[in-house]
Amino acid sequence: MLNTSNQYDRVVEQCRNLFTKKMSDYGSAWRILRLPSLTDQIFIKAQRIRQLQQNDVRRVDEGEKSEFIGIINYSVMALIQLELGIVDNPDLSTEKAIELYDKHVNTTKELMENKNHDYGEAWRDMRVSSLTDLIIQKLLRVKQIEDNKGKTLVSEGIDANYQDMINYAVFAMIHMS
């Protein structure tokens, strides 16, 4: 599992670097996005990955990797929004946003390590296409929970679903590297 931890960190470093650069370019404009908007952004990325996996012809010169990075970063943004709430105007410095990014990624990695221990790294025998389908399934669950105004009877909350999406996307990127 040490190898998984190191691979995980390398993937997250790529995502964090892009997040940091986009914070420099755009600031925290994403802070105005409501959770359903973030969920829809992640859904668009996951659907594009699925289409790329099914289609032989590509008209845009971007592959699955950039879309998985987007899923990870938008999911972290959603976790931050769950923690802080939505605002009317951008309100986070790059430093504070990175601090929150790191906090949520670390919590999500810890969840991965616990599940990875219990499941015996079963994800290593999965296909990237299956991980994509699991991300889409999680998105559909999140959409249903959002439509239910956050109420669930027996299910885990939205935050756990975003964390699972991050972990599935990291696993997919590890497979692709």
N, C-alpha and C. Protein backbone atom coordinates (compact mmCIF):
# COMPACT_ATOMS: atom_id res chain seq x y z
N MET A 1 0.82 -1.21 0.00
CA MET A 1 0.00 0.00 0.00
C MET A 1 0.85 1.26 0.00
N LEU A 2 2.12 1.15 0.34
CA LEU A 2 3.01 2.31 0.29
C LEU A 2 3.10 2.83 -1.13
N ASN A 3 3.16 1.92 -2.10
CA ASN A 3 3.20 2.31 -3.50
C ASN A 3 1.93 3.08 -3.88
N THR A 4 0.77 2.61 -3.42
CA THR A 4 -0.49 3.30 -3.68
C THR A 4 -0.47 4.70 -3.10
N SER A 5 0.03 4.83 -1.88
CA SER A 5 0.11 6.14 -1.25
C SER A 5 0.98 7.10 -2.05
N ASN A 6 2.11 6.64 -2.51
CA ASN A 6 3.01 7.48 -3.31
C ASN A 6 2.38 7.83 -4.66
N GLN A 7 1.75 6.86 -5.29
CA GLN A 7 1.09 7.11 -6.58
C GLN A 7 -0.06 8.10 -6.39
N TYR A 8 -0.81 7.94 -5.33
CA TYR A 8 -1.92 8.84 -5.00
C TYR A 8 -1.39 10.28 -4.87
N ASP A 9 -0.30 10.42 -4.11
CA ASP A 9 0.27 11.75 -3.89
C ASP A 9 0.72 12.40 -5.19
N ARG A 10 1.28 11.61 -6.10
CA ARG A 10 1.73 12.16 -7.39
C ARG A 10 0.56 12.66 -8.23
N VAL A 11 -0.54 11.90 -8.23
CA VAL A 11 -1.73 12.33 -8.97
C VAL A 11 -2.28 13.61 -8.35
N VAL A 12 -2.42 13.62 -7.03
CA VAL A 12 -2.97 14.79 -6.36
C VAL A 12 -2.09 16.01 -6.58
N GLU A 13 -0.78 15.81 -6.63
CA GLU A 13 0.13 16.94 -6.88
C GLU A 13 -0.16 17.59 -8.24
N GLN A 14 -0.42 16.77 -9.25
CA GLN A 14 -0.78 17.32 -10.58
C GLN A 14 -2.06 18.14 -10.49
N CYS A 15 -3.06 17.59 -9.80
CA CYS A 15 -4.35 18.26 -9.67
C CYS A 15 -4.22 19.55 -8.87
N ARG A 16 -3.47 19.49 -7.80
CA ARG A 16 -3.27 20.66 -6.93
C ARG A 16 -2.53 21.76 -7.68
N ASN A 17 -1.53 21.38 -8.49
CA ASN A 17 -0.79 22.37 -9.27
C ASN A 17 -1.72 23.10 -10.24
N LEU A 18 -2.59 22.36 -10.91
CA LEU A 18 -3.53 23.00 -11.83
C LEU A 18 -4.52 23.88 -11.06
N PHE A 19 -5.01 23.39 -9.93
CA PHE A 19 -5.93 24.17 -9.10
C PHE A 19 -5.27 25.49 -8.69
N THR A 20 -4.02 25.43 -8.27
CA THR A 20 -3.28 26.62 -7.85
C THR A 20 -3.14 27.61 -9.00
N LYS A 21 -2.79 27.12 -10.17
CA LYS A 21 -2.64 28.00 -11.35
C LYS A 21 -3.97 28.64 -11.71
N LYS A 22 -5.05 27.87 -11.63
CA LYS A 22 -6.36 28.44 -11.96
C LYS A 22 -6.80 29.44 -10.90
N MET A 23 -6.42 29.22 -9.65
CA MET A 23 -6.70 30.22 -8.61
C MET A 23 -5.98 31.52 -8.95
N SER A 24 -4.76 31.43 -9.47
CA SER A 24 -4.02 32.64 -9.87
C SER A 24 -4.71 33.34 -11.03
N ASP A 25 -5.21 32.56 -11.98
CA ASP A 25 -5.87 33.15 -13.15
C ASP A 25 -7.25 33.71 -12.84
N TYR A 26 -8.05 32.95 -12.08
CA TYR A 26 -9.47 33.28 -11.91
C TYR A 26 -9.87 33.67 -10.50
N GLY A 27 -8.97 33.49 -9.54
CA GLY A 27 -9.36 33.71 -8.15
C GLY A 27 -10.34 32.63 -7.71
N SER A 28 -11.11 32.95 -6.72
CA SER A 28 -12.06 31.95 -6.19
C SER A 28 -13.47 32.18 -6.72
N ALA A 29 -13.57 32.50 -8.02
CA ALA A 29 -14.88 32.72 -8.64
C ALA A 29 -15.79 31.50 -8.46
N TRP A 30 -15.21 30.32 -8.35
CA TRP A 30 -15.98 29.08 -8.16
C TRP A 30 -16.77 29.08 -6.86
N ARG A 31 -16.43 29.97 -5.93
CA ARG A 31 -17.12 30.00 -4.63
C ARG A 31 -18.60 30.38 -4.75
N ILE A 32 -18.99 30.94 -5.89
CA ILE A 32 -20.40 31.31 -6.07
C ILE A 32 -21.24 30.13 -6.57
N LEU A 33 -20.58 29.03 -6.95
CA LEU A 33 -21.30 27.89 -7.50
C LEU A 33 -22.04 27.11 -6.42
N ARG A 34 -23.31 26.86 -6.69
CA ARG A 34 -24.09 26.01 -5.80
C ARG A 34 -23.70 24.55 -6.06
N LEU A 35 -23.98 23.68 -5.09
CA LEU A 35 -23.58 22.27 -5.23
C LEU A 35 -24.13 21.62 -6.49
N PRO A 36 -25.39 21.83 -6.86
CA PRO A 36 -25.86 21.20 -8.10
C PRO A 36 -25.06 21.65 -9.33
N SER A 37 -24.58 22.88 -9.33
CA SER A 37 -23.75 23.35 -10.45
C SER A 37 -22.42 22.61 -10.49
N LEU A 38 -21.81 22.41 -9.33
CA LEU A 38 -20.56 21.65 -9.27
C LEU A 38 -20.80 20.19 -9.67
N THR A 39 -21.89 19.63 -9.18
CA THR A 39 -22.24 18.25 -9.54
C THR A 39 -22.40 18.13 -11.05
N ASP A 40 -23.06 19.11 -11.66
CA ASP A 40 -23.24 19.07 -13.12
C ASP A 40 -21.92 19.21 -13.86
N GLN A 41 -21.01 20.02 -13.36
CA GLN A 41 -19.69 20.13 -13.98
C GLN A 41 -18.95 18.80 -13.94
N ILE A 42 -19.03 18.13 -12.80
CA ILE A 42 -18.39 16.82 -12.67
C ILE A 42 -19.06 15.83 -13.61
N PHE A 43 -20.38 15.90 -13.70
CA PHE A 43 -21.14 15.00 -14.58
C PHE A 43 -20.71 15.18 -16.04
N ILE A 44 -20.54 16.43 -16.47
CA ILE A 44 -20.10 16.70 -17.84
C ILE A 44 -18.74 16.05 -18.09
N LYS A 45 -17.83 16.19 -17.15
CA LYS A 45 -16.50 15.60 -17.28
C LYS A 45 -16.58 14.07 -17.36
N ALA A 46 -17.38 13.47 -16.48
CA ALA A 46 -17.50 12.01 -16.47
C ALA A 46 -18.15 11.50 -17.75
N GLN A 47 -19.17 12.20 -18.22
CA GLN A 47 -19.82 11.80 -19.47
C GLN A 47 -18.85 11.90 -20.65
N ARG A 48 -18.02 12.94 -20.66
CA ARG A 48 -17.04 13.08 -21.73
C ARG A 48 -16.04 11.93 -21.70
N ILE A 49 -15.59 11.56 -20.51
CA ILE A 49 -14.67 10.42 -20.39
C ILE A 49 -15.34 9.17 -20.95
N ARG A 50 -16.58 8.96 -20.59
CA ARG A 50 -17.30 7.77 -21.08
C ARG A 50 -17.40 7.78 -22.60
N GLN A 51 -17.68 8.95 -23.16
CA GLN A 51 -17.75 9.06 -24.62
C GLN A 51 -16.39 8.79 -25.26
N LEU A 52 -15.33 9.33 -24.66
CA LEU A 52 -13.99 9.08 -25.19
C LEU A 52 -13.66 7.59 -25.15
N GLN A 53 -14.11 6.91 -24.11
CA GLN A 53 -13.85 5.47 -23.97
C GLN A 53 -14.64 4.65 -24.99
N GLN A 54 -15.76 5.20 -25.46
CA GLN A 54 -16.62 4.46 -26.39
C GLN A 54 -16.42 4.84 -27.85
N ASN A 55 -15.92 6.05 -28.10
CA ASN A 55 -15.79 6.54 -29.48
C ASN A 55 -14.38 6.36 -30.01
N ASP A 56 -14.29 6.08 -31.28
CA ASP A 56 -12.99 5.95 -31.92
C ASP A 56 -12.45 7.30 -32.39
N VAL A 57 -13.34 8.23 -32.70
CA VAL A 57 -12.95 9.53 -33.25
C VAL A 57 -13.07 10.60 -32.17
N ARG A 58 -12.03 11.44 -32.06
CA ARG A 58 -12.04 12.57 -31.12
C ARG A 58 -11.93 13.86 -31.91
N ARG A 59 -12.78 14.81 -31.60
CA ARG A 59 -12.76 16.10 -32.29
C ARG A 59 -12.07 17.19 -31.47
N VAL A 60 -11.86 16.94 -30.19
CA VAL A 60 -11.16 17.88 -29.32
C VAL A 60 -9.93 17.17 -28.80
N ASP A 61 -8.79 17.85 -28.88
CA ASP A 61 -7.52 17.21 -28.53
C ASP A 61 -7.24 17.28 -27.04
N GLU A 62 -8.14 16.73 -26.26
CA GLU A 62 -7.93 16.57 -24.81
C GLU A 62 -8.37 15.17 -24.46
N GLY A 63 -7.57 14.49 -23.67
CA GLY A 63 -7.88 13.12 -23.34
C GLY A 63 -8.59 12.98 -22.00
N GLU A 64 -8.64 11.74 -21.57
CA GLU A 64 -9.32 11.40 -20.32
C GLU A 64 -8.62 12.00 -19.11
N LYS A 65 -7.31 12.07 -19.15
CA LYS A 65 -6.55 12.53 -17.99
C LYS A 65 -7.00 13.91 -17.52
N SER A 66 -7.13 14.85 -18.45
CA SER A 66 -7.53 16.21 -18.05
C SER A 66 -8.94 16.23 -17.46
N GLU A 67 -9.79 15.33 -17.94
CA GLU A 67 -11.15 15.26 -17.41
C GLU A 67 -11.16 14.65 -16.01
N PHE A 68 -10.32 13.64 -15.78
CA PHE A 68 -10.23 13.08 -14.42
C PHE A 68 -9.67 14.12 -13.45
N ILE A 69 -8.71 14.93 -13.90
CA ILE A 69 -8.21 16.01 -13.06
C ILE A 69 -9.34 16.97 -12.72
N GLY A 70 -10.17 17.28 -13.70
CA GLY A 70 -11.32 18.15 -13.47
C GLY A 70 -12.28 17.56 -12.45
N ILE A 71 -12.53 16.26 -12.54
CA ILE A 71 -13.42 15.60 -11.58
C ILE A 71 -12.85 15.74 -10.17
N ILE A 72 -11.56 15.51 -10.04
CA ILE A 72 -10.93 15.63 -8.72
C ILE A 72 -11.05 17.06 -8.19
N ASN A 73 -10.68 18.02 -9.01
CA ASN A 73 -10.69 19.41 -8.53
C ASN A 73 -12.09 19.93 -8.26
N TYR A 74 -13.05 19.62 -9.12
CA TYR A 74 -14.43 20.06 -8.86
C TYR A 74 -15.00 19.37 -7.62
N SER A 75 -14.62 18.12 -7.38
CA SER A 75 -15.09 17.42 -6.18
C SER A 75 -14.51 18.06 -4.92
N VAL A 76 -13.24 18.45 -4.97
CA VAL A 76 -12.66 19.15 -3.83
C VAL A 76 -13.37 20.49 -3.62
N MET A 77 -13.65 21.20 -4.70
CA MET A 77 -14.40 22.46 -4.57
C MET A 77 -15.75 22.22 -3.91
N ALA A 78 -16.41 21.14 -4.29
CA ALA A 78 -17.72 20.81 -3.70
C ALA A 78 -17.58 20.54 -2.20
N LEU A 79 -16.54 19.83 -1.81
CA LEU A 79 -16.32 19.58 -0.38
C LEU A 79 -16.07 20.89 0.37
N ILE A 80 -15.34 21.80 -0.25
CA ILE A 80 -15.10 23.11 0.37
C ILE A 80 -16.42 23.87 0.49
N GLN A 81 -17.24 23.82 -0.57
CA GLN A 81 -18.53 24.50 -0.53
C GLN A 81 -19.43 23.91 0.57
N LEU A 82 -19.38 22.58 0.72
CA LEU A 82 -20.16 21.96 1.79
C LEU A 82 -19.71 22.47 3.16
N GLU A 83 -18.41 22.66 3.31
CA GLU A 83 -17.88 23.14 4.59
C GLU A 83 -18.19 24.61 4.84
N LEU A 84 -17.94 25.45 3.84
CA LEU A 84 -18.03 26.90 4.03
C LEU A 84 -19.37 27.50 3.64
N GLY A 85 -20.10 26.82 2.77
CA GLY A 85 -21.32 27.41 2.23
C GLY A 85 -21.01 28.21 0.97
N ILE A 86 -22.06 28.55 0.27
CA ILE A 86 -21.93 29.28 -1.00
C ILE A 86 -21.95 30.78 -0.68
N VAL A 87 -21.19 31.55 -1.47
CA VAL A 87 -21.12 32.99 -1.27
C VAL A 87 -21.56 33.72 -2.54
N ASP A 88 -21.85 35.01 -2.40
CA ASP A 88 -22.25 35.82 -3.55
C ASP A 88 -21.07 36.40 -4.30
N ASN A 89 -19.92 36.48 -3.65
CA ASN A 89 -18.72 37.03 -4.27
C ASN A 89 -17.50 36.20 -3.86
N PRO A 90 -16.54 36.08 -4.75
CA PRO A 90 -15.31 35.33 -4.39
C PRO A 90 -14.72 35.88 -3.10
N ASP A 91 -14.31 34.96 -2.20
CA ASP A 91 -13.87 35.41 -0.89
C ASP A 91 -12.63 34.70 -0.35
N LEU A 92 -12.01 33.84 -1.15
CA LEU A 92 -10.86 33.09 -0.66
C LEU A 92 -9.58 33.53 -1.35
N SER A 93 -8.55 33.71 -0.56
CA SER A 93 -7.22 33.93 -1.13
C SER A 93 -6.73 32.59 -1.66
N THR A 94 -5.74 32.63 -2.50
CA THR A 94 -5.14 31.40 -3.02
C THR A 94 -4.60 30.56 -1.86
N GLU A 95 -3.96 31.20 -0.91
CA GLU A 95 -3.38 30.48 0.22
C GLU A 95 -4.45 29.74 1.02
N LYS A 96 -5.56 30.40 1.30
CA LYS A 96 -6.64 29.78 2.08
C LYS A 96 -7.29 28.66 1.27
N ALA A 97 -7.48 28.89 -0.02
CA ALA A 97 -8.09 27.86 -0.87
C ALA A 97 -7.21 26.61 -0.91
N ILE A 98 -5.89 26.80 -1.01
CA ILE A 98 -4.96 25.66 -1.03
C ILE A 98 -4.96 24.95 0.32
N GLU A 99 -5.05 25.71 1.39
CA GLU A 99 -5.12 25.10 2.73
C GLU A 99 -6.36 24.20 2.83
N LEU A 100 -7.50 24.69 2.36
CA LEU A 100 -8.73 23.90 2.38
C LEU A 100 -8.65 22.72 1.42
N TYR A 101 -8.05 22.93 0.27
CA TYR A 101 -7.84 21.86 -0.72
C TYR A 101 -7.06 20.72 -0.07
N ASP A 102 -5.94 21.08 0.55
CA ASP A 102 -5.09 20.07 1.19
C ASP A 102 -5.84 19.34 2.30
N LYS A 103 -6.60 20.07 3.08
CA LYS A 103 -7.36 19.47 4.18
C LYS A 103 -8.32 18.40 3.65
N HIS A 104 -9.06 18.74 2.60
CA HIS A 104 -10.06 17.80 2.08
C HIS A 104 -9.41 16.64 1.34
N VAL A 105 -8.32 16.90 0.65
CA VAL A 105 -7.61 15.80 -0.02
C VAL A 105 -7.01 14.85 1.01
N ASN A 106 -6.47 15.38 2.08
CA ASN A 106 -5.89 14.52 3.12
C ASN A 106 -6.95 13.64 3.78
N THR A 107 -8.12 14.22 4.06
CA THR A 107 -9.22 13.45 4.64
C THR A 107 -9.68 12.37 3.66
N THR A 108 -9.73 12.71 2.39
CA THR A 108 -10.16 11.77 1.35
C THR A 108 -9.13 10.67 1.16
N LYS A 109 -7.86 11.01 1.22
CA LYS A 109 -6.81 10.00 1.11
C LYS A 109 -6.87 9.04 2.30
N GLU A 110 -7.11 9.57 3.47
CA GLU A 110 -7.23 8.71 4.66
C GLU A 110 -8.39 7.72 4.49
N LEU A 111 -9.51 8.20 3.95
CA LEU A 111 -10.63 7.31 3.66
C LEU A 111 -10.21 6.23 2.67
N MET A 112 -9.48 6.62 1.63
CA MET A 112 -8.99 5.66 0.64
C MET A 112 -8.12 4.61 1.30
N GLU A 113 -7.20 5.04 2.15
CA GLU A 113 -6.29 4.09 2.80
C GLU A 113 -7.05 3.10 3.67
N ASN A 114 -8.07 3.56 4.37
CA ASN A 114 -8.87 2.67 5.21
C ASN A 114 -9.65 1.67 4.36
N LYS A 115 -10.29 2.18 3.30
CA LYS A 115 -11.04 1.27 2.42
C LYS A 115 -10.10 0.34 1.67
N ASN A 116 -8.98 0.88 1.24
CA ASN A 116 -8.01 0.08 0.49
C ASN A 116 -7.51 -1.09 1.34
N HIS A 117 -7.32 -0.83 2.61
CA HIS A 117 -6.90 -1.89 3.53
C HIS A 117 -7.97 -2.98 3.59
N ASP A 118 -9.23 -2.55 3.76
CA ASP A 118 -10.32 -3.51 3.92
C ASP A 118 -10.64 -4.26 2.63
N TYR A 119 -10.50 -3.58 1.48
CA TYR A 119 -10.83 -4.20 0.20
C TYR A 119 -9.63 -4.87 -0.48
N GLY A 120 -8.45 -4.73 0.11
CA GLY A 120 -7.28 -5.38 -0.45
C GLY A 120 -6.87 -4.88 -1.82
N GLU A 121 -7.00 -3.59 -2.04
CA GLU A 121 -6.61 -2.96 -3.31
C GLU A 121 -7.32 -3.59 -4.51
N ALA A 122 -8.58 -3.93 -4.34
CA ALA A 122 -9.36 -4.54 -5.42
C ALA A 122 -9.42 -3.64 -6.66
N TRP A 123 -9.31 -2.33 -6.48
CA TRP A 123 -9.38 -1.40 -7.60
C TRP A 123 -8.28 -1.66 -8.62
N ARG A 124 -7.19 -2.24 -8.21
CA ARG A 124 -6.08 -2.49 -9.14
C ARG A 124 -6.48 -3.49 -10.23
N ASP A 125 -7.49 -4.31 -9.98
CA ASP A 125 -7.96 -5.26 -10.98
C ASP A 125 -9.15 -4.74 -11.78
N MET A 126 -9.52 -3.49 -11.51
CA MET A 126 -10.65 -2.89 -12.23
C MET A 126 -10.18 -2.18 -13.49
N ARG A 127 -11.08 -2.03 -14.42
CA ARG A 127 -10.82 -1.28 -15.64
C ARG A 127 -11.10 0.20 -15.40
N VAL A 128 -10.43 1.06 -16.16
CA VAL A 128 -10.70 2.50 -16.08
C VAL A 128 -12.16 2.77 -16.43
N SER A 129 -12.69 2.03 -17.39
CA SER A 129 -14.10 2.23 -17.78
C SER A 129 -15.05 1.91 -16.61
N SER A 130 -14.71 0.93 -15.80
CA SER A 130 -15.55 0.62 -14.63
C SER A 130 -15.46 1.73 -13.59
N LEU A 131 -14.28 2.28 -13.41
CA LEU A 131 -14.12 3.40 -12.47
C LEU A 131 -14.93 4.61 -12.96
N THR A 132 -14.94 4.82 -14.27
CA THR A 132 -15.74 5.91 -14.85
C THR A 132 -17.22 5.67 -14.56
N ASP A 133 -17.68 4.44 -14.77
CA ASP A 133 -19.08 4.13 -14.50
C ASP A 133 -19.43 4.33 -13.02
N LEU A 134 -18.52 3.97 -12.13
CA LEU A 134 -18.76 4.18 -10.70
C LEU A 134 -18.86 5.67 -10.36
N ILE A 135 -18.04 6.48 -11.02
CA ILE A 135 -18.12 7.93 -10.80
C ILE A 135 -19.49 8.44 -11.25
N ILE A 136 -19.94 7.99 -12.41
CA ILE A 136 -21.26 8.41 -12.91
C ILE A 136 -22.35 7.94 -11.97
N GLN A 137 -22.25 6.72 -11.47
CA GLN A 137 -23.24 6.22 -10.51
C GLN A 137 -23.26 7.12 -9.26
N LYS A 138 -22.09 7.48 -8.75
CA LYS A 138 -22.02 8.37 -7.58
C LYS A 138 -22.66 9.72 -7.90
N LEU A 139 -22.44 10.22 -9.11
CA LEU A 139 -23.04 11.49 -9.51
C LEU A 139 -24.57 11.41 -9.53
N LEU A 140 -25.08 10.32 -10.06
CA LEU A 140 -26.53 10.14 -10.07
C LEU A 140 -27.08 10.06 -8.65
N ARG A 141 -26.35 9.44 -7.76
CA ARG A 141 -26.75 9.39 -6.35
C ARG A 141 -26.76 10.79 -5.75
N VAL A 142 -25.70 11.57 -6.02
CA VAL A 142 -25.62 12.93 -5.50
C VAL A 142 -26.77 13.77 -6.03
N LYS A 143 -27.06 13.64 -7.32
CA LYS A 143 -28.18 14.40 -7.90
C LYS A 143 -29.50 14.06 -7.19
N GLN A 144 -29.70 12.77 -6.90
CA GLN A 144 -30.92 12.37 -6.21
C GLN A 144 -30.96 12.95 -4.80
N ILE A 145 -29.84 12.91 -4.10
CA ILE A 145 -29.78 13.48 -2.75
C ILE A 145 -30.04 14.99 -2.82
N GLU A 146 -29.47 15.66 -3.81
CA GLU A 146 -29.71 17.10 -3.98
C GLU A 146 -31.19 17.35 -4.24
N ASP A 147 -31.80 16.53 -5.10
CA ASP A 147 -33.23 16.68 -5.39
C ASP A 147 -34.08 16.43 -4.14
N ASN A 148 -33.56 15.60 -3.22
CA ASN A 148 -34.24 15.32 -1.95
C ASN A 148 -33.89 16.36 -0.88
N LYS A 149 -33.27 17.45 -1.28
CA LYS A 149 -32.87 18.54 -0.37
C LYS A 149 -31.90 18.05 0.71
N GLY A 150 -31.05 17.08 0.34
CA GLY A 150 -30.01 16.59 1.24
C GLY A 150 -30.46 15.52 2.22
N LYS A 151 -31.73 15.19 2.19
CA LYS A 151 -32.25 14.19 3.14
C LYS A 151 -32.03 12.77 2.58
N THR A 152 -31.55 11.90 3.44
CA THR A 152 -31.41 10.48 3.11
C THR A 152 -31.98 9.66 4.26
N LEU A 153 -32.43 8.47 3.94
CA LEU A 153 -32.96 7.59 4.98
C LEU A 153 -31.87 6.69 5.56
N VAL A 154 -31.08 6.09 4.70
CA VAL A 154 -30.06 5.15 5.17
C VAL A 154 -28.71 5.34 4.49
N SER A 155 -28.62 6.28 3.59
CA SER A 155 -27.42 6.41 2.77
C SER A 155 -26.43 7.40 3.36
N GLU A 156 -25.17 7.24 2.94
CA GLU A 156 -24.14 8.21 3.33
C GLU A 156 -24.47 9.55 2.67
N GLY A 157 -23.87 10.58 3.17
CA GLY A 157 -24.18 11.92 2.68
C GLY A 157 -23.45 12.26 1.39
N ILE A 158 -23.70 13.45 0.92
CA ILE A 158 -23.10 13.93 -0.32
C ILE A 158 -21.59 13.96 -0.22
N ASP A 159 -21.05 14.35 0.93
CA ASP A 159 -19.60 14.47 1.07
C ASP A 159 -18.89 13.15 0.80
N ALA A 160 -19.44 12.06 1.30
CA ALA A 160 -18.83 10.74 1.08
C ALA A 160 -18.82 10.37 -0.41
N ASN A 161 -19.86 10.77 -1.12
CA ASN A 161 -19.91 10.50 -2.56
C ASN A 161 -18.86 11.31 -3.32
N TYR A 162 -18.67 12.57 -2.95
CA TYR A 162 -17.61 13.37 -3.58
C TYR A 162 -16.24 12.76 -3.28
N GLN A 163 -16.05 12.30 -2.05
CA GLN A 163 -14.77 11.67 -1.70
C GLN A 163 -14.54 10.41 -2.52
N ASP A 164 -15.57 9.60 -2.69
CA ASP A 164 -15.43 8.40 -3.51
C ASP A 164 -15.09 8.75 -4.95
N MET A 165 -15.72 9.81 -5.47
CA MET A 165 -15.40 10.23 -6.86
C MET A 165 -13.94 10.64 -6.99
N ILE A 166 -13.45 11.36 -6.00
CA ILE A 166 -12.03 11.74 -6.01
C ILE A 166 -11.18 10.48 -6.05
N ASN A 167 -11.46 9.55 -5.17
CA ASN A 167 -10.65 8.34 -5.09
C ASN A 167 -10.74 7.50 -6.37
N TYR A 168 -11.92 7.35 -6.94
CA TYR A 168 -12.04 6.61 -8.19
C TYR A 168 -11.26 7.30 -9.32
N ALA A 169 -11.33 8.63 -9.37
CA ALA A 169 -10.60 9.36 -10.41
C ALA A 169 -9.09 9.22 -10.22
N VAL A 170 -8.62 9.26 -8.98
CA VAL A 170 -7.20 9.05 -8.71
C VAL A 170 -6.79 7.65 -9.15
N PHE A 171 -7.60 6.65 -8.82
CA PHE A 171 -7.30 5.28 -9.23
C PHE A 171 -7.22 5.18 -10.76
N ALA A 172 -8.14 5.83 -11.44
CA ALA A 172 -8.13 5.79 -12.91
C ALA A 172 -6.84 6.41 -13.45
N MET A 173 -6.43 7.53 -12.86
CA MET A 173 -5.19 8.17 -13.33
C MET A 173 -3.97 7.31 -13.02
N ILE A 174 -3.97 6.62 -11.90
CA ILE A 174 -2.87 5.70 -11.60
C ILE A 174 -2.83 4.60 -12.66
N HIS A 175 -3.98 4.05 -12.99
CA HIS A 175 -4.04 3.01 -14.04
C HIS A 175 -3.50 3.53 -15.38
N MET A 176 -3.81 4.78 -15.69
CA MET A 176 -3.45 5.35 -17.00
C MET A 176 -1.97 5.75 -17.07
N SER A 177 -1.31 5.86 -15.92
CA SER A 177 0.09 6.31 -15.95
C SER A 177 1.06 5.16 -16.16
